Amino acid sequence: MKYMVADLMYKAEKVWFADGYVHFVLTDRKHVSFPVSLNEKLRNASDEQLSNVELICDGTGIHWPDLDEDLSILGIMEGRFGQQSSISDR
């Protein structure tokens, strides 16, 4: 699989959902988390769907099979959390 250099700057080694947040640990041991409310599909999902989460693409992406949703680690680090509705919905 081909990667852009920027994609390889951020790789996760663990991901999980807890208390309304997606958490992941980068290979340099930094812990990153964000509220599911920042993503429309995640915001409307059940805890069971959110807990079924996995790393993909050698740790450069996060995938929720039950929701057909993928986010890149790089995108999250840049503040992009996928589809959003308006700010007033948060």
C-alpha atoms as a PDB file:
ATOM      1  CA  MET A   1       0.000   0.000   0.000  1.00  0.00           C
ATOM      2  CA  LYS A   2       1.254   3.478  -0.834  1.00  0.00           C
ATOM      3  CA  TYR A   3       1.378   6.169   1.833  1.00  0.00           C
ATOM      4  CA  MET A   4       2.127   9.854   1.735  1.00  0.00           C
ATOM      5  CA  VAL A   5       5.019  10.876   3.962  1.00  0.00           C
ATOM      6  CA  ALA A   6       2.644  12.918   6.148  1.00  0.00           C
ATOM      7  CA  ASP A   7       0.492   9.813   6.751  1.00  0.00           C
ATOM      8  CA  LEU A   8       3.445   7.986   8.251  1.00  0.00           C
ATOM      9  CA  MET A   9       4.173  10.799  10.701  1.00  0.00           C
ATOM     10  CA  TYR A  10       1.219   9.674  12.825  1.00  0.00           C
ATOM     11  CA  LYS A  11       0.566   6.004  13.449  1.00  0.00           C
ATOM     12  CA  ALA A  12      -1.554   4.560  16.222  1.00  0.00           C
ATOM     13  CA  GLU A  13      -0.951   1.326  18.047  1.00  0.00           C
ATOM     14  CA  LYS A  14      -4.185   1.158  20.063  1.00  0.00           C
ATOM     15  CA  VAL A  15      -7.722   2.574  19.718  1.00  0.00           C
ATOM     16  CA  TRP A  16     -10.834   2.365  21.900  1.00  0.00           C
ATOM     17  CA  PHE A  17     -14.102   4.130  22.749  1.00  0.00           C
ATOM     18  CA  ALA A  18     -15.015   5.210  26.294  1.00  0.00           C
ATOM     19  CA  ASP A  19     -17.289   7.800  27.899  1.00  0.00           C
ATOM     20  CA  GLY A  20     -18.231   9.594  24.687  1.00  0.00           C
ATOM     21  CA  TYR A  21     -14.656   9.857  23.387  1.00  0.00           C
ATOM     22  CA  VAL A  22     -12.524   7.993  20.871  1.00  0.00           C
ATOM     23  CA  HIS A  23      -9.049   7.438  22.298  1.00  0.00           C
ATOM     24  CA  PHE A  24      -5.892   6.277  20.606  1.00  0.00           C
ATOM     25  CA  VAL A  25      -2.235   5.924  21.484  1.00  0.00           C
ATOM     26  CA  LEU A  26       0.364   6.920  18.919  1.00  0.00           C
ATOM     27  CA  THR A  27       3.522   4.910  18.397  1.00  0.00           C
ATOM     28  CA  ASP A  28       5.457   7.642  20.246  1.00  0.00           C
ATOM     29  CA  ARG A  29       3.171   6.965  23.283  1.00  0.00           C
ATOM     30  CA  LYS A  30       1.122  10.176  23.009  1.00  0.00           C
ATOM     31  CA  HIS A  31      -2.521   9.686  24.009  1.00  0.00           C
ATOM     32  CA  VAL A  32      -5.038  11.499  21.801  1.00  0.00           C
ATOM     33  CA  SER A  33      -8.802  11.663  22.230  1.00  0.00           C
ATOM     34  CA  PHE A  34     -11.740  13.486  20.695  1.00  0.00           C
ATOM     35  CA  PRO A  35     -15.477  13.597  21.435  1.00  0.00           C
ATOM     36  CA  VAL A  36     -17.688  11.553  19.124  1.00  0.00           C
ATOM     37  CA  SER A  37     -19.937  14.610  18.832  1.00  0.00           C
ATOM     38  CA  LEU A  38     -17.466  16.023  16.283  1.00  0.00           C
ATOM     39  CA  ASN A  39     -18.481  13.398  13.706  1.00  0.00           C
ATOM     40  CA  GLU A  40     -22.076  13.017  12.528  1.00  0.00           C
ATOM     41  CA  LYS A  41     -22.011   9.228  12.094  1.00  0.00           C
ATOM     42  CA  LEU A  42     -20.283   8.683  15.423  1.00  0.00           C
ATOM     43  CA  ARG A  43     -22.546  11.130  17.252  1.00  0.00           C
ATOM     44  CA  ASN A  44     -25.636   9.152  16.276  1.00  0.00           C
ATOM     45  CA  ALA A  45     -24.188   5.699  16.965  1.00  0.00           C
ATOM     46  CA  SER A  46     -24.770   3.399  19.917  1.00  0.00           C
ATOM     47  CA  ASP A  47     -22.043   2.652  22.447  1.00  0.00           C
ATOM     48  CA  GLU A  48     -21.918  -0.906  21.082  1.00  0.00           C
ATOM     49  CA  GLN A  49     -21.290   0.356  17.530  1.00  0.00           C
ATOM     50  CA  LEU A  50     -18.667   2.824  18.752  1.00  0.00           C
ATOM     51  CA  SER A  51     -16.876   0.138  20.759  1.00  0.00           C
ATOM     52  CA  ASN A  52     -16.455  -1.977  17.633  1.00  0.00           C
ATOM     53  CA  VAL A  53     -13.471   0.042  16.394  1.00  0.00           C
ATOM     54  CA  GLU A  54     -10.192  -1.043  14.847  1.00  0.00           C
ATOM     55  CA  LEU A  55      -6.976   0.305  13.420  1.00  0.00           C
ATOM     56  CA  ILE A  56      -6.485  -0.042   9.674  1.00  0.00           C
ATOM     57  CA  CYS A  57      -3.769   0.710   7.121  1.00  0.00           C
ATOM     58  CA  ASP A  58      -0.882  -0.151   9.427  1.00  0.00           C
ATOM     59  CA  GLY A  59      -2.135   2.177  12.156  1.00  0.00           C
ATOM     60  CA  THR A  60      -2.731   5.234   9.983  1.00  0.00           C
ATOM     61  CA  GLY A  61      -6.523   4.951  10.080  1.00  0.00           C
ATOM     62  CA  ILE A  62      -9.449   4.100  12.343  1.00  0.00           C
ATOM     63  CA  HIS A  63     -12.422   2.039  11.129  1.00  0.00           C
ATOM     64  CA  TRP A  64     -15.887   1.363  12.566  1.00  0.00           C
ATOM     65  CA  PRO A  65     -17.218  -1.669  10.634  1.00  0.00           C
ATOM     66  CA  ASP A  66     -20.773  -1.320  11.971  1.00  0.00           C
ATOM     67  CA  LEU A  67     -20.943   2.306  10.835  1.00  0.00           C
ATOM     68  CA  ASP A  68     -18.923   2.105   7.601  1.00  0.00           C
ATOM     69  CA  GLU A  69     -16.869   5.054   8.866  1.00  0.00           C
ATOM     70  CA  ASP A  70     -13.135   5.618   8.491  1.00  0.00           C
ATOM     71  CA  LEU A  71     -10.969   8.438   9.810  1.00  0.00           C
ATOM     72  CA  SER A  72      -7.278   8.982   9.207  1.00  0.00           C
ATOM     73  CA  ILE A  73      -4.970   9.585  12.138  1.00  0.00           C
ATOM     74  CA  LEU A  74      -3.403  12.457  10.193  1.00  0.00           C
ATOM     75  CA  GLY A  75      -6.823  14.028   9.595  1.00  0.00           C
ATOM     76  CA  ILE A  76      -7.690  13.817  13.284  1.00  0.00           C
ATOM     77  CA  MET A  77      -4.364  15.380  14.227  1.00  0.00           C
ATOM     78  CA  GLU A  78      -5.139  18.201  11.759  1.00  0.00           C
ATOM     79  CA  GLY A  79      -8.577  18.731  13.300  1.00  0.00           C
ATOM     80  CA  ARG A  80     -10.610  16.979  10.611  1.00  0.00           C
ATOM     81  CA  PHE A  81     -13.171  14.583  12.098  1.00  0.00           C
ATOM     82  CA  GLY A  82     -15.189  13.543   9.056  1.00  0.00           C
ATOM     83  CA  GLN A  83     -18.735  14.628   8.331  1.00  0.00           C
ATOM     84  CA  GLN A  84     -20.133  17.300  10.587  1.00  0.00           C
ATOM     85  CA  SER A  85     -23.412  19.058  10.848  1.00  0.00           C
ATOM     86  CA  SER A  86     -23.619  22.685  11.823  1.00  0.00           C
ATOM     87  CA  ILE A  87     -21.862  24.028  14.918  1.00  0.00           C
ATOM     88  CA  SER A  88     -25.242  24.716  16.542  1.00  0.00           C
ATOM     89  CA  ASP A  89     -25.963  20.957  16.608  1.00  0.00           C
ATOM     90  CA  ARG A  90     -23.066  20.242  18.992  1.00  0.00           C
END
